[in-house]
Amino acid sequence: MIWVIHTLNGVSLGMLLFLLAAGLSLIYGLMKILNLTHGSYYLVGAYIGSTVIARTGSFALALLVAPLLVAILGAFMERFFLRRFHLDELPQTLLTFGFLFIIADLCLWTWGGDAILLPKPSMFGKSIDIGGMLYPTYRLLLIVVGLVVAGVLWWFQERTKLGAMLRAGVDDAEIARALGIDVSLLFTLVFAVGAFLAALGGVLGGPIIGASPGADFDVMLLAFVVVIVGGLGSLRGALVGGLLVGLLDNFGKIFFPEFALFTIFVPMAVILSFRPTGLFGRA
């Protein structure tokens, strides 16, 4: 039964990583922006969520307010800064890297340097019995939320007109513009959605991972591993990659704590040696 518990822990972490990687993968797939500020969205979302919970006592309100504010921040960055360097990868990378440090310092100035752990919602603060072992219901909530978000994103991308426009923009932005699709608006929308998902992961992951200076680098590293393994621009790859990295990270820390990073990066290198574009990436 202990294997079931460890597997559930890995899956719950994988769902958090999926929330981060899905937005990162969509942004790269449409805009070809390797957004190094993505981890900052997680951190800001967690900090804003903690403030909302402290002021109102409502975890649900934090799940709404923090991602929306971070989505506005992401849309602002794309509209007024990144758009000036469209398809110019080096300036984009340096700009997002600079924003990472700016946001980190602003968070340090606003919320201080102490690590915080967001309180769990009272409804999911208990544990349930699984084969004679107690397991926190909050981690099960993370798994359910991750699956729901994956389903919504799939429906949006595959079954809606806006999703069809998004796929057209990914395949050929010039033809999409010729057909009358406002690709610039799609850029802003996708960037905002990516920031929203990262901040949502920050609020949901706050009770488990917490928030502290440097957490933005940690989650960004894991998110990049996920999208590299799953394939840049692939939503399905983000889900599979998130689950794979979550399980490898969890079992690696349990059985090989001194080689925790080894258990993530070596499988990534093996996968890339056979699939250079990732499991579901396209050349």
C-alpha atoms as a PDB file:
ATOM      1  CA  MET A   1       0.000   0.000   0.000  1.00  0.00           C
ATOM      2  CA  ILE A   2       2.951   2.313   0.563  1.00  0.00           C
ATOM      3  CA  TRP A   3       3.548   2.206  -3.194  1.00  0.00           C
ATOM      4  CA  VAL A   4       0.028   3.503  -3.779  1.00  0.00           C
ATOM      5  CA  ILE A   5       0.662   6.430  -1.412  1.00  0.00           C
ATOM      6  CA  HIS A   6       3.945   7.328  -3.098  1.00  0.00           C
ATOM      7  CA  THR A   7       2.320   7.044  -6.523  1.00  0.00           C
ATOM      8  CA  LEU A   8      -0.502   9.371  -5.486  1.00  0.00           C
ATOM      9  CA  ASN A   9       2.085  11.852  -4.194  1.00  0.00           C
ATOM     10  CA  GLY A  10       3.888  11.722  -7.534  1.00  0.00           C
ATOM     11  CA  VAL A  11       0.655  12.139  -9.497  1.00  0.00           C
ATOM     12  CA  SER A  12      -0.434  15.136  -7.384  1.00  0.00           C
ATOM     13  CA  LEU A  13       2.960  16.784  -7.966  1.00  0.00           C
ATOM     14  CA  GLY A  14       2.682  15.914 -11.641  1.00  0.00           C
ATOM     15  CA  MET A  15      -0.651  17.724 -11.864  1.00  0.00           C
ATOM     16  CA  LEU A  16       0.905  20.854 -10.371  1.00  0.00           C
ATOM     17  CA  LEU A  17       3.732  20.640 -12.878  1.00  0.00           C
ATOM     18  CA  PHE A  18       1.158  20.220 -15.649  1.00  0.00           C
ATOM     19  CA  LEU A  19      -0.489  23.525 -14.670  1.00  0.00           C
ATOM     20  CA  LEU A  20       2.889  25.216 -14.992  1.00  0.00           C
ATOM     21  CA  ALA A  21       4.031  23.425 -18.122  1.00  0.00           C
ATOM     22  CA  ALA A  22       0.753  23.717 -20.044  1.00  0.00           C
ATOM     23  CA  GLY A  23       0.926  27.510 -20.149  1.00  0.00           C
ATOM     24  CA  LEU A  24       4.647  27.490 -20.884  1.00  0.00           C
ATOM     25  CA  SER A  25       4.162  25.014 -23.714  1.00  0.00           C
ATOM     26  CA  LEU A  26       1.235  26.917 -25.239  1.00  0.00           C
ATOM     27  CA  ILE A  27       3.180  30.189 -25.152  1.00  0.00           C
ATOM     28  CA  TYR A  28       6.127  28.634 -26.947  1.00  0.00           C
ATOM     29  CA  GLY A  29       3.923  26.728 -29.371  1.00  0.00           C
ATOM     30  CA  LEU A  30       2.161  29.861 -30.609  1.00  0.00           C
ATOM     31  CA  MET A  31       4.636  32.670 -29.988  1.00  0.00           C
ATOM     32  CA  LYS A  32       8.017  30.885 -29.905  1.00  0.00           C
ATOM     33  CA  ILE A  33       8.810  32.689 -26.638  1.00  0.00           C
ATOM     34  CA  LEU A  34      10.893  30.770 -24.109  1.00  0.00           C
ATOM     35  CA  ASN A  35       9.369  32.578 -21.145  1.00  0.00           C
ATOM     36  CA  LEU A  36      11.839  32.562 -18.251  1.00  0.00           C
ATOM     37  CA  THR A  37       9.398  34.604 -16.157  1.00  0.00           C
ATOM     38  CA  HIS A  38       6.993  31.673 -15.908  1.00  0.00           C
ATOM     39  CA  GLY A  39       8.278  30.603 -12.505  1.00  0.00           C
ATOM     40  CA  SER A  40       7.709  34.149 -11.278  1.00  0.00           C
ATOM     41  CA  TYR A  41       4.012  33.842 -12.095  1.00  0.00           C
ATOM     42  CA  TYR A  42       3.864  30.822  -9.799  1.00  0.00           C
ATOM     43  CA  LEU A  43       5.588  32.742  -7.014  1.00  0.00           C
ATOM     44  CA  VAL A  44       3.437  35.876  -7.362  1.00  0.00           C
ATOM     45  CA  GLY A  45       0.300  33.750  -7.489  1.00  0.00           C
ATOM     46  CA  ALA A  46       1.251  31.990  -4.264  1.00  0.00           C
ATOM     47  CA  TYR A  47       2.081  35.261  -2.489  1.00  0.00           C
ATOM     48  CA  ILE A  48      -1.089  37.026  -3.631  1.00  0.00           C
ATOM     49  CA  GLY A  49      -3.097  33.943  -2.691  1.00  0.00           C
ATOM     50  CA  SER A  50      -1.622  33.995   0.812  1.00  0.00           C
ATOM     51  CA  THR A  51      -2.528  37.676   1.175  1.00  0.00           C
ATOM     52  CA  VAL A  52      -6.113  37.098   0.022  1.00  0.00           C
ATOM     53  CA  ILE A  53      -6.515  34.169   2.416  1.00  0.00           C
ATOM     54  CA  ALA A  54      -5.055  36.197   5.296  1.00  0.00           C
ATOM     55  CA  ARG A  55      -7.438  39.105   4.606  1.00  0.00           C
ATOM     56  CA  THR A  56     -10.617  37.176   3.778  1.00  0.00           C
ATOM     57  CA  GLY A  57     -10.088  33.629   5.021  1.00  0.00           C
ATOM     58  CA  SER A  58     -11.342  32.346   1.659  1.00  0.00           C
ATOM     59  CA  PHE A  59      -9.218  29.871  -0.303  1.00  0.00           C
ATOM     60  CA  ALA A  60     -11.746  29.895  -3.150  1.00  0.00           C
ATOM     61  CA  LEU A  61     -11.422  33.670  -3.502  1.00  0.00           C
ATOM     62  CA  ALA A  62      -7.630  33.306  -3.605  1.00  0.00           C
ATOM     63  CA  LEU A  63      -8.028  30.776  -6.451  1.00  0.00           C
ATOM     64  CA  LEU A  64      -9.916  33.432  -8.405  1.00  0.00           C
ATOM     65  CA  VAL A  65      -8.152  36.694  -7.531  1.00  0.00           C
ATOM     66  CA  ALA A  66      -4.490  35.633  -7.686  1.00  0.00           C
ATOM     67  CA  PRO A  67      -4.603  33.974 -11.155  1.00  0.00           C
ATOM     68  CA  LEU A  68      -6.634  36.861 -12.604  1.00  0.00           C
ATOM     69  CA  LEU A  69      -4.179  39.485 -11.358  1.00  0.00           C
ATOM     70  CA  VAL A  70      -1.213  37.498 -12.639  1.00  0.00           C
ATOM     71  CA  ALA A  71      -2.977  36.988 -15.990  1.00  0.00           C
ATOM     72  CA  ILE A  72      -3.287  40.783 -16.269  1.00  0.00           C
ATOM     73  CA  LEU A  73       0.418  41.068 -15.476  1.00  0.00           C
ATOM     74  CA  GLY A  74       1.232  38.538 -18.196  1.00  0.00           C
ATOM     75  CA  ALA A  75      -0.947  40.308 -20.758  1.00  0.00           C
ATOM     76  CA  PHE A  76       0.729  43.620 -19.890  1.00  0.00           C
ATOM     77  CA  MET A  77       4.211  42.142 -20.338  1.00  0.00           C
ATOM     78  CA  GLU A  78       3.328  40.603 -23.690  1.00  0.00           C
ATOM     79  CA  ARG A  79       1.541  43.674 -25.034  1.00  0.00           C
ATOM     80  CA  PHE A  80       4.013  46.375 -24.073  1.00  0.00           C
ATOM     81  CA  PHE A  81       7.361  44.585 -23.900  1.00  0.00           C
ATOM     82  CA  LEU A  82       7.630  41.178 -25.604  1.00  0.00           C
ATOM     83  CA  ARG A  83       5.658  42.186 -28.682  1.00  0.00           C
ATOM     84  CA  ARG A  84       8.429  44.589 -29.624  1.00  0.00           C
ATOM     85  CA  PHE A  85      10.758  41.592 -30.115  1.00  0.00           C
ATOM     86  CA  HIS A  86       8.464  39.154 -31.882  1.00  0.00           C
ATOM     87  CA  LEU A  87      10.421  36.116 -33.149  1.00  0.00           C
ATOM     88  CA  ASP A  88      13.664  37.684 -31.904  1.00  0.00           C
ATOM     89  CA  GLU A  89      14.611  34.960 -29.447  1.00  0.00           C
ATOM     90  CA  LEU A  90      17.682  36.419 -27.742  1.00  0.00           C
ATOM     91  CA  PRO A  91      16.080  39.761 -26.728  1.00  0.00           C
ATOM     92  CA  GLN A  92      12.947  37.887 -25.619  1.00  0.00           C
ATOM     93  CA  THR A  93      14.948  35.523 -23.453  1.00  0.00           C
ATOM     94  CA  LEU A  94      17.014  38.312 -21.911  1.00  0.00           C
ATOM     95  CA  LEU A  95      13.905  40.423 -21.309  1.00  0.00           C
ATOM     96  CA  THR A  96      12.012  37.637 -19.539  1.00  0.00           C
ATOM     97  CA  PHE A  97      15.138  36.788 -17.557  1.00  0.00           C
ATOM     98  CA  GLY A  98      15.350  40.413 -16.451  1.00  0.00           C
ATOM     99  CA  PHE A  99      11.692  40.413 -15.437  1.00  0.00           C
ATOM    100  CA  LEU A 100      12.374  37.295 -13.369  1.00  0.00           C
ATOM    101  CA  PHE A 101      14.860  39.214 -11.202  1.00  0.00           C
ATOM    102  CA  ILE A 102      12.658  42.309 -11.030  1.00  0.00           C
ATOM    103  CA  ILE A 103       9.631  40.327  -9.890  1.00  0.00           C
ATOM    104  CA  ALA A 104      11.732  38.341  -7.411  1.00  0.00           C
ATOM    105  CA  ASP A 105      13.015  41.548  -5.815  1.00  0.00           C
ATOM    106  CA  LEU A 106       9.527  43.064  -5.703  1.00  0.00           C
ATOM    107  CA  CYS A 107       8.214  39.925  -3.994  1.00  0.00           C
ATOM    108  CA  LEU A 108      11.089  40.039  -1.507  1.00  0.00           C
ATOM    109  CA  TRP A 109      10.361  43.710  -0.789  1.00  0.00           C
ATOM    110  CA  THR A 110       6.607  43.164  -0.447  1.00  0.00           C
ATOM    111  CA  TRP A 111       6.337  39.832   1.364  1.00  0.00           C
ATOM    112  CA  GLY A 112       9.767  39.469   2.962  1.00  0.00           C
ATOM    113  CA  GLY A 113      12.267  36.647   2.773  1.00  0.00           C
ATOM    114  CA  ASP A 114      10.586  34.082   5.037  1.00  0.00           C
ATOM    115  CA  ALA A 115       9.140  30.960   3.491  1.00  0.00           C
ATOM    116  CA  ILE A 116       5.371  30.743   3.735  1.00  0.00           C
ATOM    117  CA  LEU A 117       2.968  27.825   3.529  1.00  0.00           C
ATOM    118  CA  LEU A 118      -0.567  28.590   2.474  1.00  0.00           C
ATOM    119  CA  PRO A 119      -3.321  27.141   4.689  1.00  0.00           C
ATOM    120  CA  LYS A 120      -5.377  24.347   3.181  1.00  0.00           C
ATOM    121  CA  PRO A 121      -9.100  24.917   2.699  1.00  0.00           C
ATOM    122  CA  SER A 122     -10.940  23.604   5.750  1.00  0.00           C
ATOM    123  CA  MET A 123     -13.049  21.273   3.611  1.00  0.00           C
ATOM    124  CA  PHE A 124      -9.918  19.457   2.435  1.00  0.00           C
ATOM    125  CA  GLY A 125      -7.817  19.702   5.575  1.00  0.00           C
ATOM    126  CA  LYS A 126      -8.468  16.138   6.704  1.00  0.00           C
ATOM    127  CA  SER A 127      -7.206  12.730   5.649  1.00  0.00           C
ATOM    128  CA  ILE A 128      -8.919   9.602   4.414  1.00  0.00           C
ATOM    129  CA  ASP A 129      -8.067   5.972   5.012  1.00  0.00           C
ATOM    130  CA  ILE A 130      -6.463   4.171   2.074  1.00  0.00           C
ATOM    131  CA  GLY A 131      -5.662   0.554   2.880  1.00  0.00           C
ATOM    132  CA  GLY A 132      -5.029   1.321   6.525  1.00  0.00           C
ATOM    133  CA  MET A 133      -2.934   4.419   5.832  1.00  0.00           C
ATOM    134  CA  LEU A 134      -4.069   8.029   6.124  1.00  0.00           C
ATOM    135  CA  TYR A 135      -3.786  10.172   3.020  1.00  0.00           C
ATOM    136  CA  PRO A 136      -4.537  13.917   2.838  1.00  0.00           C
ATOM    137  CA  THR A 137      -7.659  14.744   0.857  1.00  0.00           C
ATOM    138  CA  TYR A 138      -6.029  17.949  -0.387  1.00  0.00           C
ATOM    139  CA  ARG A 139      -3.608  16.003  -2.572  1.00  0.00           C
ATOM    140  CA  LEU A 140      -6.559  14.136  -4.067  1.00  0.00           C
ATOM    141  CA  LEU A 141      -8.113  17.538  -4.778  1.00  0.00           C
ATOM    142  CA  LEU A 142      -4.979  18.509  -6.707  1.00  0.00           C
ATOM    143  CA  ILE A 143      -5.295  15.419  -8.873  1.00  0.00           C
ATOM    144  CA  VAL A 144      -8.967  16.134  -9.605  1.00  0.00           C
ATOM    145  CA  VAL A 145      -8.311  19.817 -10.382  1.00  0.00           C
ATOM    146  CA  GLY A 146      -5.435  18.900 -12.685  1.00  0.00           C
ATOM    147  CA  LEU A 147      -7.606  16.444 -14.613  1.00  0.00           C
ATOM    148  CA  VAL A 148     -10.437  18.969 -14.872  1.00  0.00           C
ATOM    149  CA  VAL A 149      -8.083  21.686 -16.153  1.00  0.00           C
ATOM    150  CA  ALA A 150      -6.591  19.239 -18.666  1.00  0.00           C
ATOM    151  CA  GLY A 151     -10.100  18.372 -19.877  1.00  0.00           C
ATOM    152  CA  VAL A 152     -11.119  22.027 -20.177  1.00  0.00           C
ATOM    153  CA  LEU A 153      -7.957  22.926 -22.083  1.00  0.00           C
ATOM    154  CA  TRP A 154      -8.450  19.978 -24.427  1.00  0.00           C
ATOM    155  CA  TRP A 155     -12.079  20.986 -25.053  1.00  0.00           C
ATOM    156  CA  PHE A 156     -11.057  24.594 -25.620  1.00  0.00           C
ATOM    157  CA  GLN A 157      -8.279  23.685 -28.043  1.00  0.00           C
ATOM    158  CA  GLU A 158     -10.094  20.956 -29.978  1.00  0.00           C
ATOM    159  CA  ARG A 159     -13.818  21.803 -29.810  1.00  0.00           C
ATOM    160  CA  THR A 160     -14.143  25.598 -29.904  1.00  0.00           C
ATOM    161  CA  LYS A 161     -13.812  28.139 -32.689  1.00  0.00           C
ATOM    162  CA  LEU A 162     -11.244  30.069 -30.677  1.00  0.00           C
ATOM    163  CA  GLY A 163      -9.266  26.866 -30.228  1.00  0.00           C
ATOM    164  CA  ALA A 164      -9.342  26.267 -33.973  1.00  0.00           C
ATOM    165  CA  MET A 165      -8.027  29.795 -34.503  1.00  0.00           C
ATOM    166  CA  LEU A 166      -5.297  29.067 -31.970  1.00  0.00           C
ATOM    167  CA  ARG A 167      -4.270  25.874 -33.771  1.00  0.00           C
ATOM    168  CA  ALA A 168      -4.222  27.770 -37.056  1.00  0.00           C
ATOM    169  CA  GLY A 169      -1.975  30.409 -35.510  1.00  0.00           C
ATOM    170  CA  VAL A 170       0.384  27.719 -34.244  1.00  0.00           C
ATOM    171  CA  ASP A 171       0.564  25.961 -37.629  1.00  0.00           C
ATOM    172  CA  ASP A 172       1.012  29.065 -39.779  1.00  0.00           C
ATOM    173  CA  ALA A 173       0.590  32.550 -38.324  1.00  0.00           C
ATOM    174  CA  GLU A 174       0.861  34.281 -41.716  1.00  0.00           C
ATOM    175  CA  ILE A 175      -1.923  32.213 -43.306  1.00  0.00           C
ATOM    176  CA  ALA A 176      -4.030  32.727 -40.170  1.00  0.00           C
ATOM    177  CA  ARG A 177      -3.645  36.499 -40.549  1.00  0.00           C
ATOM    178  CA  ALA A 178      -4.578  36.243 -44.222  1.00  0.00           C
ATOM    179  CA  LEU A 179      -7.789  34.456 -43.193  1.00  0.00           C
ATOM    180  CA  GLY A 180      -8.716  37.364 -40.932  1.00  0.00           C
ATOM    181  CA  ILE A 181      -7.640  35.881 -37.585  1.00  0.00           C
ATOM    182  CA  ASP A 182      -6.352  38.468 -35.131  1.00  0.00           C
ATOM    183  CA  VAL A 183      -3.135  36.647 -34.266  1.00  0.00           C
ATOM    184  CA  SER A 184      -1.893  39.555 -32.120  1.00  0.00           C
ATOM    185  CA  LEU A 185      -4.945  39.227 -29.883  1.00  0.00           C
ATOM    186  CA  LEU A 186      -4.354  35.474 -29.721  1.00  0.00           C
ATOM    187  CA  PHE A 187      -0.784  36.149 -28.568  1.00  0.00           C
ATOM    188  CA  THR A 188      -2.009  38.275 -25.676  1.00  0.00           C
ATOM    189  CA  LEU A 189      -4.766  35.796 -24.775  1.00  0.00           C
ATOM    190  CA  VAL A 190      -2.434  32.794 -24.758  1.00  0.00           C
ATOM    191  CA  PHE A 191       0.192  34.620 -22.727  1.00  0.00           C
ATOM    192  CA  ALA A 192      -2.470  35.650 -20.189  1.00  0.00           C
ATOM    193  CA  VAL A 193      -3.826  32.084 -20.002  1.00  0.00           C
ATOM    194  CA  GLY A 194      -0.299  30.755 -19.449  1.00  0.00           C
ATOM    195  CA  ALA A 195       0.258  33.224 -16.613  1.00  0.00           C
ATOM    196  CA  PHE A 196      -3.182  32.353 -15.178  1.00  0.00           C
ATOM    197  CA  LEU A 197      -2.359  28.626 -15.087  1.00  0.00           C
ATOM    198  CA  ALA A 198       1.032  29.248 -13.467  1.00  0.00           C
ATOM    199  CA  ALA A 199      -0.550  31.420 -10.761  1.00  0.00           C
ATOM    200  CA  LEU A 200      -3.284  28.831 -10.250  1.00  0.00           C
ATOM    201  CA  GLY A 201      -0.519  26.304  -9.681  1.00  0.00           C
ATOM    202  CA  GLY A 202       1.041  28.727  -7.186  1.00  0.00           C
ATOM    203  CA  VAL A 203      -2.132  28.946  -5.098  1.00  0.00           C
ATOM    204  CA  LEU A 204      -2.840  25.212  -5.299  1.00  0.00           C
ATOM    205  CA  GLY A 205       0.773  24.277  -4.642  1.00  0.00           C
ATOM    206  CA  GLY A 206       1.140  26.799  -1.807  1.00  0.00           C
ATOM    207  CA  PRO A 207      -0.133  24.436   0.916  1.00  0.00           C
ATOM    208  CA  ILE A 208       2.336  21.741  -0.180  1.00  0.00           C
ATOM    209  CA  ILE A 209       5.379  23.393  -1.753  1.00  0.00           C
ATOM    210  CA  GLY A 210       4.909  26.866  -0.283  1.00  0.00           C
ATOM    211  CA  ALA A 211       6.506  30.063  -1.505  1.00  0.00           C
ATOM    212  CA  SER A 212       9.904  31.524  -0.749  1.00  0.00           C
ATOM    213  CA  PRO A 213      12.676  33.456  -2.499  1.00  0.00           C
ATOM    214  CA  GLY A 214      14.137  31.114  -5.089  1.00  0.00           C
ATOM    215  CA  ALA A 215      10.988  29.038  -5.540  1.00  0.00           C
ATOM    216  CA  ASP A 216      10.504  30.675  -8.938  1.00  0.00           C
ATOM    217  CA  PHE A 217      13.791  29.156 -10.166  1.00  0.00           C
ATOM    218  CA  ASP A 218      12.923  25.727  -8.747  1.00  0.00           C
ATOM    219  CA  VAL A 219       9.488  25.442 -10.348  1.00  0.00           C
ATOM    220  CA  MET A 220      10.712  26.969 -13.607  1.00  0.00           C
ATOM    221  CA  LEU A 221      13.406  24.293 -13.853  1.00  0.00           C
ATOM    222  CA  LEU A 222      10.871  21.504 -13.336  1.00  0.00           C
ATOM    223  CA  ALA A 223       8.453  23.108 -15.795  1.00  0.00           C
ATOM    224  CA  PHE A 224      11.147  23.256 -18.468  1.00  0.00           C
ATOM    225  CA  VAL A 225      11.978  19.607 -17.891  1.00  0.00           C
ATOM    226  CA  VAL A 226       8.297  18.751 -18.335  1.00  0.00           C
ATOM    227  CA  VAL A 227       7.893  20.616 -21.635  1.00  0.00           C
ATOM    228  CA  ILE A 228      11.191  19.269 -22.984  1.00  0.00           C
ATOM    229  CA  VAL A 229      10.181  15.691 -22.165  1.00  0.00           C
ATOM    230  CA  GLY A 230       6.588  16.077 -23.352  1.00  0.00           C
ATOM    231  CA  GLY A 231       7.374  18.228 -26.388  1.00  0.00           C
ATOM    232  CA  LEU A 232       7.198  21.994 -26.779  1.00  0.00           C
ATOM    233  CA  GLY A 233       3.786  23.189 -27.907  1.00  0.00           C
ATOM    234  CA  SER A 234       1.959  19.964 -27.017  1.00  0.00           C
ATOM    235  CA  LEU A 235      -0.800  20.009 -24.388  1.00  0.00           C
ATOM    236  CA  ARG A 236      -0.839  16.214 -24.252  1.00  0.00           C
ATOM    237  CA  GLY A 237       2.934  16.272 -23.853  1.00  0.00           C
ATOM    238  CA  ALA A 238       2.631  18.683 -20.913  1.00  0.00           C
ATOM    239  CA  LEU A 239       0.221  16.309 -19.151  1.00  0.00           C
ATOM    240  CA  VAL A 240       2.253  13.154 -19.779  1.00  0.00           C
ATOM    241  CA  GLY A 241       5.531  14.931 -19.055  1.00  0.00           C
ATOM    242  CA  GLY A 242       4.149  16.400 -15.826  1.00  0.00           C
ATOM    243  CA  LEU A 243       3.029  12.996 -14.571  1.00  0.00           C
ATOM    244  CA  LEU A 244       6.320  11.366 -15.567  1.00  0.00           C
ATOM    245  CA  VAL A 245       8.480  14.046 -13.925  1.00  0.00           C
ATOM    246  CA  GLY A 246       6.265  14.122 -10.826  1.00  0.00           C
ATOM    247  CA  LEU A 247       6.584  10.370 -10.339  1.00  0.00           C
ATOM    248  CA  LEU A 248      10.331  10.347 -11.040  1.00  0.00           C
ATOM    249  CA  ASP A 249      10.923  13.249  -8.654  1.00  0.00           C
ATOM    250  CA  ASN A 250       8.872  11.670  -5.870  1.00  0.00           C
ATOM    251  CA  PHE A 251      10.342   8.185  -6.088  1.00  0.00           C
ATOM    252  CA  GLY A 252      13.831   9.585  -6.680  1.00  0.00           C
ATOM    253  CA  LYS A 253      13.724  11.600  -3.443  1.00  0.00           C
ATOM    254  CA  ILE A 254      12.454   8.560  -1.537  1.00  0.00           C
ATOM    255  CA  PHE A 255      14.836   5.899  -2.782  1.00  0.00           C
ATOM    256  CA  PHE A 256      17.813   7.961  -4.020  1.00  0.00           C
ATOM    257  CA  PRO A 257      17.705  11.272  -2.111  1.00  0.00           C
ATOM    258  CA  GLU A 258      21.336  12.066  -2.891  1.00  0.00           C
ATOM    259  CA  PHE A 259      20.614  11.610  -6.619  1.00  0.00           C
ATOM    260  CA  ALA A 260      17.245  13.377  -6.749  1.00  0.00           C
ATOM    261  CA  LEU A 261      18.089  15.513  -9.789  1.00  0.00           C
ATOM    262  CA  PHE A 262      19.807  12.546 -11.435  1.00  0.00           C
ATOM    263  CA  THR A 263      16.504  10.631 -11.527  1.00  0.00           C
ATOM    264  CA  ILE A 264      14.897  13.492 -13.495  1.00  0.00           C
ATOM    265  CA  PHE A 265      17.587  14.602 -15.904  1.00  0.00           C
ATOM    266  CA  VAL A 266      18.961  11.215 -16.952  1.00  0.00           C
ATOM    267  CA  PRO A 267      15.557   9.932 -18.167  1.00  0.00           C
ATOM    268  CA  MET A 268      15.110  13.290 -19.919  1.00  0.00           C
ATOM    269  CA  ALA A 269      18.437  12.821 -21.714  1.00  0.00           C
ATOM    270  CA  VAL A 270      17.482   9.262 -22.681  1.00  0.00           C
ATOM    271  CA  ILE A 271      14.119  10.371 -24.082  1.00  0.00           C
ATOM    272  CA  LEU A 272      15.708  13.207 -26.068  1.00  0.00           C
ATOM    273  CA  SER A 273      18.317  10.869 -27.515  1.00  0.00           C
ATOM    274  CA  PHE A 274      15.504   8.884 -29.165  1.00  0.00           C
ATOM    275  CA  ARG A 275      12.927  11.676 -29.528  1.00  0.00           C
ATOM    276  CA  PRO A 276      14.739  15.030 -29.968  1.00  0.00           C
ATOM    277  CA  THR A 277      11.429  16.922 -30.082  1.00  0.00           C
ATOM    278  CA  GLY A 278      10.081  15.219 -26.948  1.00  0.00           C
ATOM    279  CA  LEU A 279       7.455  12.500 -26.625  1.00  0.00           C
ATOM    280  CA  PHE A 280       4.712  14.424 -28.434  1.00  0.00           C
ATOM    281  CA  GLY A 281       6.588  17.331 -30.003  1.00  0.00           C
ATOM    282  CA  ARG A 282       6.641  18.036 -33.709  1.00  0.00           C
ATOM    283  CA  ALA A 283       9.756  18.735 -35.728  1.00  0.00           C
END
